[in-house]
Amino acid sequence: MSMKKLDVLAFILLVVGGLNWGLVAVARFDLVAFIFGMRFGDISPVSRVVYGLVELAAVYQALGWKAIQRRWQA
């Protein structure tokens, strides 16, 4: 997988995470739980993977911000 594709994947995961947390704050609605047929606050192994990927995407973006900027300027 190219680094730009990884950048895009990380961005998508961060958008999903941001939308989910926004919905939790505004409407008390957990989109990830809903997608996997669960109730608000329920966690399954699959939802844990989604939340873990969102966390890894955030760490990737935070630690690699300068390198990501250089890749996209080329």
PDB file of N, CA and C in Angstrom:
ATOM      1  N   MET A   1       0.851  -1.178   0.000  1.00  0.00           N
ATOM      2  CA  MET A   1       0.000   0.000   0.000  1.00  0.00           C
ATOM      3  C   MET A   1       0.896   1.240   0.000  1.00  0.00           C
ATOM      4  N   SER A   2       0.603   2.162  -0.902  1.00  0.00           N
ATOM      5  CA  SER A   2       1.407   3.379  -0.957  1.00  0.00           C
ATOM      6  C   SER A   2       1.098   4.266   0.250  1.00  0.00           C
ATOM      7  N   MET A   3       2.031   5.148   0.535  1.00  0.00           N
ATOM      8  CA  MET A   3       1.863   6.038   1.689  1.00  0.00           C
ATOM      9  C   MET A   3       0.673   6.973   1.487  1.00  0.00           C
ATOM     10  N   LYS A   4       0.431   7.426   0.253  1.00  0.00           N
ATOM     11  CA  LYS A   4      -0.715   8.305   0.026  1.00  0.00           C
ATOM     12  C   LYS A   4      -2.021   7.555   0.290  1.00  0.00           C
ATOM     13  N   LYS A   5      -2.082   6.284  -0.095  1.00  0.00           N
ATOM     14  CA  LYS A   5      -3.287   5.493   0.185  1.00  0.00           C
ATOM     15  C   LYS A   5      -3.480   5.326   1.688  1.00  0.00           C
ATOM     16  N   LEU A   6      -2.374   5.131   2.409  1.00  0.00           N
ATOM     17  CA  LEU A   6      -2.444   5.031   3.865  1.00  0.00           C
ATOM     18  C   LEU A   6      -2.921   6.352   4.463  1.00  0.00           C
ATOM     19  N   ASP A   7      -2.453   7.472   3.902  1.00  0.00           N
ATOM     20  CA  ASP A   7      -2.907   8.791   4.350  1.00  0.00           C
ATOM     21  C   ASP A   7      -4.419   8.928   4.178  1.00  0.00           C
ATOM     22  N   VAL A   8      -4.924   8.515   3.026  1.00  0.00           N
ATOM     23  CA  VAL A   8      -6.360   8.621   2.746  1.00  0.00           C
ATOM     24  C   VAL A   8      -7.151   7.719   3.684  1.00  0.00           C
ATOM     25  N   LEU A   9      -6.681   6.494   3.902  1.00  0.00           N
ATOM     26  CA  LEU A   9      -7.354   5.578   4.822  1.00  0.00           C
ATOM     27  C   LEU A   9      -7.399   6.161   6.228  1.00  0.00           C
ATOM     28  N   ALA A  10      -6.276   6.720   6.678  1.00  0.00           N
ATOM     29  CA  ALA A  10      -6.239   7.341   8.007  1.00  0.00           C
ATOM     30  C   ALA A  10      -7.222   8.497   8.078  1.00  0.00           C
ATOM     31  N   PHE A  11      -7.291   9.303   7.023  1.00  0.00           N
ATOM     32  CA  PHE A  11      -8.230  10.425   6.985  1.00  0.00           C
ATOM     33  C   PHE A  11      -9.676   9.937   7.091  1.00  0.00           C
ATOM     34  N   ILE A  12     -10.014   8.902   6.338  1.00  0.00           N
ATOM     35  CA  ILE A  12     -11.384   8.356   6.371  1.00  0.00           C
ATOM     36  C   ILE A  12     -11.716   7.851   7.766  1.00  0.00           C
ATOM     37  N   LEU A  13     -10.794   7.138   8.389  1.00  0.00           N
ATOM     38  CA  LEU A  13     -11.033   6.635   9.744  1.00  0.00           C
ATOM     39  C   LEU A  13     -11.223   7.781  10.735  1.00  0.00           C
ATOM     40  N   LEU A  14     -10.459   8.856  10.572  1.00  0.00           N
ATOM     41  CA  LEU A  14     -10.614  10.004  11.464  1.00  0.00           C
ATOM     42  C   LEU A  14     -11.956  10.693  11.257  1.00  0.00           C
ATOM     43  N   VAL A  15     -12.429  10.750  10.026  1.00  0.00           N
ATOM     44  CA  VAL A  15     -13.751  11.323   9.755  1.00  0.00           C
ATOM     45  C   VAL A  15     -14.829  10.458  10.403  1.00  0.00           C
ATOM     46  N   VAL A  16     -14.722   9.142  10.245  1.00  0.00           N
ATOM     47  CA  VAL A  16     -15.692   8.232  10.884  1.00  0.00           C
ATOM     48  C   VAL A  16     -15.684   8.429  12.399  1.00  0.00           C
ATOM     49  N   GLY A  17     -14.491   8.485  12.982  1.00  0.00           N
ATOM     50  CA  GLY A  17     -14.389   8.683  14.430  1.00  0.00           C
ATOM     51  C   GLY A  17     -14.948  10.019  14.859  1.00  0.00           C
ATOM     52  N   GLY A  18     -14.635  11.065  14.101  1.00  0.00           N
ATOM     53  CA  GLY A  18     -15.151  12.394  14.435  1.00  0.00           C
ATOM     54  C   GLY A  18     -16.661  12.474  14.333  1.00  0.00           C
ATOM     55  N   LEU A  19     -17.210  11.909  13.270  1.00  0.00           N
ATOM     56  CA  LEU A  19     -18.674  11.891  13.124  1.00  0.00           C
ATOM     57  C   LEU A  19     -19.323  11.088  14.245  1.00  0.00           C
ATOM     58  N   ASN A  20     -18.729   9.956  14.572  1.00  0.00           N
ATOM     59  CA  ASN A  20     -19.295   9.135  15.638  1.00  0.00           C
ATOM     60  C   ASN A  20     -19.307   9.889  16.966  1.00  0.00           C
ATOM     61  N   TRP A  21     -18.181  10.516  17.331  1.00  0.00           N
ATOM     62  CA  TRP A  21     -18.136  11.254  18.595  1.00  0.00           C
ATOM     63  C   TRP A  21     -19.066  12.465  18.578  1.00  0.00           C
ATOM     64  N   GLY A  22     -19.182  13.110  17.422  1.00  0.00           N
ATOM     65  CA  GLY A  22     -20.124  14.223  17.306  1.00  0.00           C
ATOM     66  C   GLY A  22     -21.555  13.774  17.515  1.00  0.00           C
ATOM     67  N   LEU A  23     -21.909  12.642  16.927  1.00  0.00           N
ATOM     68  CA  LEU A  23     -23.258  12.102  17.108  1.00  0.00           C
ATOM     69  C   LEU A  23     -23.498  11.680  18.556  1.00  0.00           C
ATOM     70  N   VAL A  24     -22.483  11.133  19.198  1.00  0.00           N
ATOM     71  CA  VAL A  24     -22.610  10.762  20.607  1.00  0.00           C
ATOM     72  C   VAL A  24     -22.871  12.008  21.441  1.00  0.00           C
ATOM     73  N   ALA A  25     -22.138  13.094  21.152  1.00  0.00           N
ATOM     74  CA  ALA A  25     -22.278  14.324  21.930  1.00  0.00           C
ATOM     75  C   ALA A  25     -23.615  15.021  21.694  1.00  0.00           C
ATOM     76  N   VAL A  26     -24.036  15.088  20.446  1.00  0.00           N
ATOM     77  CA  VAL A  26     -25.224  15.862  20.096  1.00  0.00           C
ATOM     78  C   VAL A  26     -26.518  15.059  20.241  1.00  0.00           C
ATOM     79  N   ALA A  27     -26.484  13.809  19.812  1.00  0.00           N
ATOM     80  CA  ALA A  27     -27.729  13.037  19.731  1.00  0.00           C
ATOM     81  C   ALA A  27     -27.715  11.769  20.571  1.00  0.00           C
ATOM     82  N   ARG A  28     -26.636  11.544  21.324  1.00  0.00           N
ATOM     83  CA  ARG A  28     -26.508  10.306  22.100  1.00  0.00           C
ATOM     84  C   ARG A  28     -26.771   9.073  21.213  1.00  0.00           C
ATOM     85  N   PHE A  29     -26.113   9.105  20.043  1.00  0.00           N
ATOM     86  CA  PHE A  29     -26.264   8.051  19.039  1.00  0.00           C
ATOM     87  C   PHE A  29     -24.879   7.552  18.651  1.00  0.00           C
ATOM     88  N   ASP A  30     -24.628   6.272  18.838  1.00  0.00           N
ATOM     89  CA  ASP A  30     -23.345   5.657  18.512  1.00  0.00           C
ATOM     90  C   ASP A  30     -23.462   4.996  17.144  1.00  0.00           C
ATOM     91  N   LEU A  31     -22.917   5.660  16.132  1.00  0.00           N
ATOM     92  CA  LEU A  31     -23.019   5.173  14.758  1.00  0.00           C
ATOM     93  C   LEU A  31     -22.363   3.815  14.575  1.00  0.00           C
ATOM     94  N   VAL A  32     -21.210   3.618  15.178  1.00  0.00           N
ATOM     95  CA  VAL A  32     -20.502   2.334  15.043  1.00  0.00           C
ATOM     96  C   VAL A  32     -21.333   1.205  15.649  1.00  0.00           C
ATOM     97  N   ALA A  33     -21.874   1.428  16.822  1.00  0.00           N
ATOM     98  CA  ALA A  33     -22.734   0.407  17.441  1.00  0.00           C
ATOM     99  C   ALA A  33     -23.946   0.129  16.552  1.00  0.00           C
ATOM    100  N   PHE A  34     -24.549   1.179  16.021  1.00  0.00           N
ATOM    101  CA  PHE A  34     -25.725   1.028  15.161  1.00  0.00           C
ATOM    102  C   PHE A  34     -25.398   0.193  13.923  1.00  0.00           C
ATOM    103  N   ILE A  35     -24.262   0.486  13.292  1.00  0.00           N
ATOM    104  CA  ILE A  35     -23.869  -0.246  12.082  1.00  0.00           C
ATOM    105  C   ILE A  35     -23.734  -1.736  12.365  1.00  0.00           C
ATOM    106  N   PHE A  36     -23.263  -2.089  13.549  1.00  0.00           N
ATOM    107  CA  PHE A  36     -23.083  -3.495  13.889  1.00  0.00           C
ATOM    108  C   PHE A  36     -24.257  -4.074  14.667  1.00  0.00           C
ATOM    109  N   GLY A  37     -25.405  -3.394  14.649  1.00  0.00           N
ATOM    110  CA  GLY A  37     -26.623  -3.926  15.234  1.00  0.00           C
ATOM    111  C   GLY A  37     -26.650  -3.948  16.749  1.00  0.00           C
ATOM    112  N   MET A  38     -25.941  -3.017  17.365  1.00  0.00           N
ATOM    113  CA  MET A  38     -25.889  -2.975  18.823  1.00  0.00           C
ATOM    114  C   MET A  38     -26.574  -1.715  19.331  1.00  0.00           C
ATOM    115  N   ARG A  39     -26.762  -1.667  20.637  1.00  0.00           N
ATOM    116  CA  ARG A  39     -27.341  -0.488  21.269  1.00  0.00           C
ATOM    117  C   ARG A  39     -26.235   0.475  21.676  1.00  0.00           C
ATOM    118  N   PHE A  40     -26.623   1.698  21.990  1.00  0.00           N
ATOM    119  CA  PHE A  40     -25.684   2.719  22.434  1.00  0.00           C
ATOM    120  C   PHE A  40     -24.856   2.200  23.604  1.00  0.00           C
ATOM    121  N   GLY A  41     -23.553   2.321  23.488  1.00  0.00           N
ATOM    122  CA  GLY A  41     -22.663   1.909  24.576  1.00  0.00           C
ATOM    123  C   GLY A  41     -22.216   0.467  24.522  1.00  0.00           C
ATOM    124  N   ASP A  42     -22.871  -0.362  23.712  1.00  0.00           N
ATOM    125  CA  ASP A  42     -22.446  -1.756  23.583  1.00  0.00           C
ATOM    126  C   ASP A  42     -21.156  -1.826  22.771  1.00  0.00           C
ATOM    127  N   ILE A  43     -20.303  -2.783  23.131  1.00  0.00           N
ATOM    128  CA  ILE A  43     -19.048  -2.966  22.406  1.00  0.00           C
ATOM    129  C   ILE A  43     -18.897  -4.446  22.065  1.00  0.00           C
ATOM    130  N   SER A  44     -18.550  -4.695  20.814  1.00  0.00           N
ATOM    131  CA  SER A  44     -18.295  -6.060  20.357  1.00  0.00           C
ATOM    132  C   SER A  44     -16.841  -6.125  19.892  1.00  0.00           C
ATOM    133  N   PRO A  45     -16.353  -7.325  19.628  1.00  0.00           N
ATOM    134  CA  PRO A  45     -14.982  -7.423  19.097  1.00  0.00           C
ATOM    135  C   PRO A  45     -14.796  -6.630  17.797  1.00  0.00           C
ATOM    136  N   VAL A  46     -15.809  -6.606  16.947  1.00  0.00           N
ATOM    137  CA  VAL A  46     -15.705  -5.876  15.682  1.00  0.00           C
ATOM    138  C   VAL A  46     -15.662  -4.371  15.932  1.00  0.00           C
ATOM    139  N   SER A  47     -16.512  -3.871  16.823  1.00  0.00           N
ATOM    140  CA  SER A  47     -16.499  -2.431  17.097  1.00  0.00           C
ATOM    141  C   SER A  47     -15.194  -2.026  17.785  1.00  0.00           C
ATOM    142  N   ARG A  48     -14.636  -2.912  18.595  1.00  0.00           N
ATOM    143  CA  ARG A  48     -13.327  -2.623  19.205  1.00  0.00           C
ATOM    144  C   ARG A  48     -12.261  -2.459  18.129  1.00  0.00           C
ATOM    145  N   VAL A  49     -12.327  -3.289  17.093  1.00  0.00           N
ATOM    146  CA  VAL A  49     -11.374  -3.171  15.987  1.00  0.00           C
ATOM    147  C   VAL A  49     -11.547  -1.807  15.303  1.00  0.00           C
ATOM    148  N   VAL A  50     -12.795  -1.407  15.053  1.00  0.00           N
ATOM    149  CA  VAL A  50     -13.053  -0.106  14.418  1.00  0.00           C
ATOM    150  C   VAL A  50     -12.494   1.014  15.289  1.00  0.00           C
ATOM    151  N   TYR A  51     -12.804   1.001  16.576  1.00  0.00           N
ATOM    152  CA  TYR A  51     -12.307   2.045  17.473  1.00  0.00           C
ATOM    153  C   TYR A  51     -10.779   2.022  17.548  1.00  0.00           C
ATOM    154  N   GLY A  52     -10.192   0.846  17.545  1.00  0.00           N
ATOM    155  CA  GLY A  52      -8.738   0.734  17.568  1.00  0.00           C
ATOM    156  C   GLY A  52      -8.108   1.283  16.295  1.00  0.00           C
ATOM    157  N   LEU A  53      -8.733   1.033  15.140  1.00  0.00           N
ATOM    158  CA  LEU A  53      -8.225   1.575  13.880  1.00  0.00           C
ATOM    159  C   LEU A  53      -8.325   3.094  13.856  1.00  0.00           C
ATOM    160  N   VAL A  54      -9.403   3.640  14.412  1.00  0.00           N
ATOM    161  CA  VAL A  54      -9.536   5.096  14.502  1.00  0.00           C
ATOM    162  C   VAL A  54      -8.415   5.660  15.377  1.00  0.00           C
ATOM    163  N   GLU A  55      -8.133   5.004  16.479  1.00  0.00           N
ATOM    164  CA  GLU A  55      -7.047   5.458  17.355  1.00  0.00           C
ATOM    165  C   GLU A  55      -5.704   5.411  16.632  1.00  0.00           C
ATOM    166  N   LEU A  56      -5.427   4.309  15.934  1.00  0.00           N
ATOM    167  CA  LEU A  56      -4.168   4.198  15.198  1.00  0.00           C
ATOM    168  C   LEU A  56      -4.063   5.264  14.112  1.00  0.00           C
ATOM    169  N   ALA A  57      -5.183   5.566  13.459  1.00  0.00           N
ATOM    170  CA  ALA A  57      -5.191   6.616  12.439  1.00  0.00           C
ATOM    171  C   ALA A  57      -4.848   7.964  13.056  1.00  0.00           C
ATOM    172  N   ALA A  58      -5.376   8.242  14.228  1.00  0.00           N
ATOM    173  CA  ALA A  58      -5.083   9.512  14.903  1.00  0.00           C
ATOM    174  C   ALA A  58      -3.612   9.605  15.285  1.00  0.00           C
ATOM    175  N   VAL A  59      -3.054   8.522  15.800  1.00  0.00           N
ATOM    176  CA  VAL A  59      -1.633   8.504  16.171  1.00  0.00           C
ATOM    177  C   VAL A  59      -0.773   8.672  14.917  1.00  0.00           C
ATOM    178  N   TYR A  60      -1.122   7.967  13.849  1.00  0.00           N
ATOM    179  CA  TYR A  60      -0.400   8.065  12.579  1.00  0.00           C
ATOM    180  C   TYR A  60      -0.406   9.504  12.078  1.00  0.00           C
ATOM    181  N   GLN A  61      -1.580  10.131  12.077  1.00  0.00           N
ATOM    182  CA  GLN A  61      -1.681  11.512  11.600  1.00  0.00           C
ATOM    183  C   GLN A  61      -0.893  12.464  12.492  1.00  0.00           C
ATOM    184  N   ALA A  62      -0.995  12.287  13.794  1.00  0.00           N
ATOM    185  CA  ALA A  62      -0.326  13.195  14.736  1.00  0.00           C
ATOM    186  C   ALA A  62       1.193  13.085  14.642  1.00  0.00           C
ATOM    187  N   LEU A  63       1.704  11.867  14.592  1.00  0.00           N
ATOM    188  CA  LEU A  63       3.154  11.676  14.569  1.00  0.00           C
ATOM    189  C   LEU A  63       3.771  11.956  13.200  1.00  0.00           C
ATOM    190  N   GLY A  64       2.999  11.757  12.151  1.00  0.00           N
ATOM    191  CA  GLY A  64       3.557  11.897  10.813  1.00  0.00           C
ATOM    192  C   GLY A  64       3.106  13.126  10.059  1.00  0.00           C
ATOM    193  N   TRP A  65       2.601  14.120  10.744  1.00  0.00           N
ATOM    194  CA  TRP A  65       1.997  15.272  10.077  1.00  0.00           C
ATOM    195  C   TRP A  65       2.946  15.942   9.087  1.00  0.00           C
ATOM    196  N   LYS A  66       4.175  16.210   9.481  1.00  0.00           N
ATOM    197  CA  LYS A  66       5.130  16.892   8.595  1.00  0.00           C
ATOM    198  C   LYS A  66       5.444  16.037   7.367  1.00  0.00           C
ATOM    199  N   ALA A  67       5.668  14.760   7.555  1.00  0.00           N
ATOM    200  CA  ALA A  67       5.955  13.867   6.425  1.00  0.00           C
ATOM    201  C   ALA A  67       4.757  13.772   5.489  1.00  0.00           C
ATOM    202  N   ILE A  68       3.559  13.749   6.049  1.00  0.00           N
ATOM    203  CA  ILE A  68       2.338  13.693   5.226  1.00  0.00           C
ATOM    204  C   ILE A  68       2.230  14.962   4.382  1.00  0.00           C
ATOM    205  N   GLN A  69       2.499  16.107   4.978  1.00  0.00           N
ATOM    206  CA  GLN A  69       2.451  17.369   4.232  1.00  0.00           C
ATOM    207  C   GLN A  69       3.447  17.343   3.069  1.00  0.00           C
ATOM    208  N   ARG A  70       4.663  16.866   3.302  1.00  0.00           N
ATOM    209  CA  ARG A  70       5.670  16.805   2.238  1.00  0.00           C
ATOM    210  C   ARG A  70       5.232  15.874   1.119  1.00  0.00           C
ATOM    211  N   ARG A  71       4.631  14.718   1.465  1.00  0.00           N
ATOM    212  CA  ARG A  71       4.185  13.776   0.429  1.00  0.00           C
ATOM    213  C   ARG A  71       3.137  14.401  -0.463  1.00  0.00           C
ATOM    214  N   TRP A  72       2.230  15.169   0.101  1.00  0.00           N
ATOM    215  CA  TRP A  72       1.120  15.706  -0.682  1.00  0.00           C
ATOM    216  C   TRP A  72       1.488  16.973  -1.444  1.00  0.00           C
ATOM    217  N   GLN A  73       2.630  17.575  -1.132  1.00  0.00           N
ATOM    218  CA  GLN A  73       3.082  18.761  -1.872  1.00  0.00           C
ATOM    219  C   GLN A  73       3.810  18.361  -3.165  1.00  0.00           C
ATOM    220  N   ALA A  74       4.255  17.135  -3.239  1.00  0.00           N
ATOM    221  CA  ALA A  74       5.027  16.684  -4.410  1.00  0.00           C
ATOM    222  C   ALA A  74       4.137  16.468  -5.611  1.00  0.00           C
TER     223      ALA A  74
END
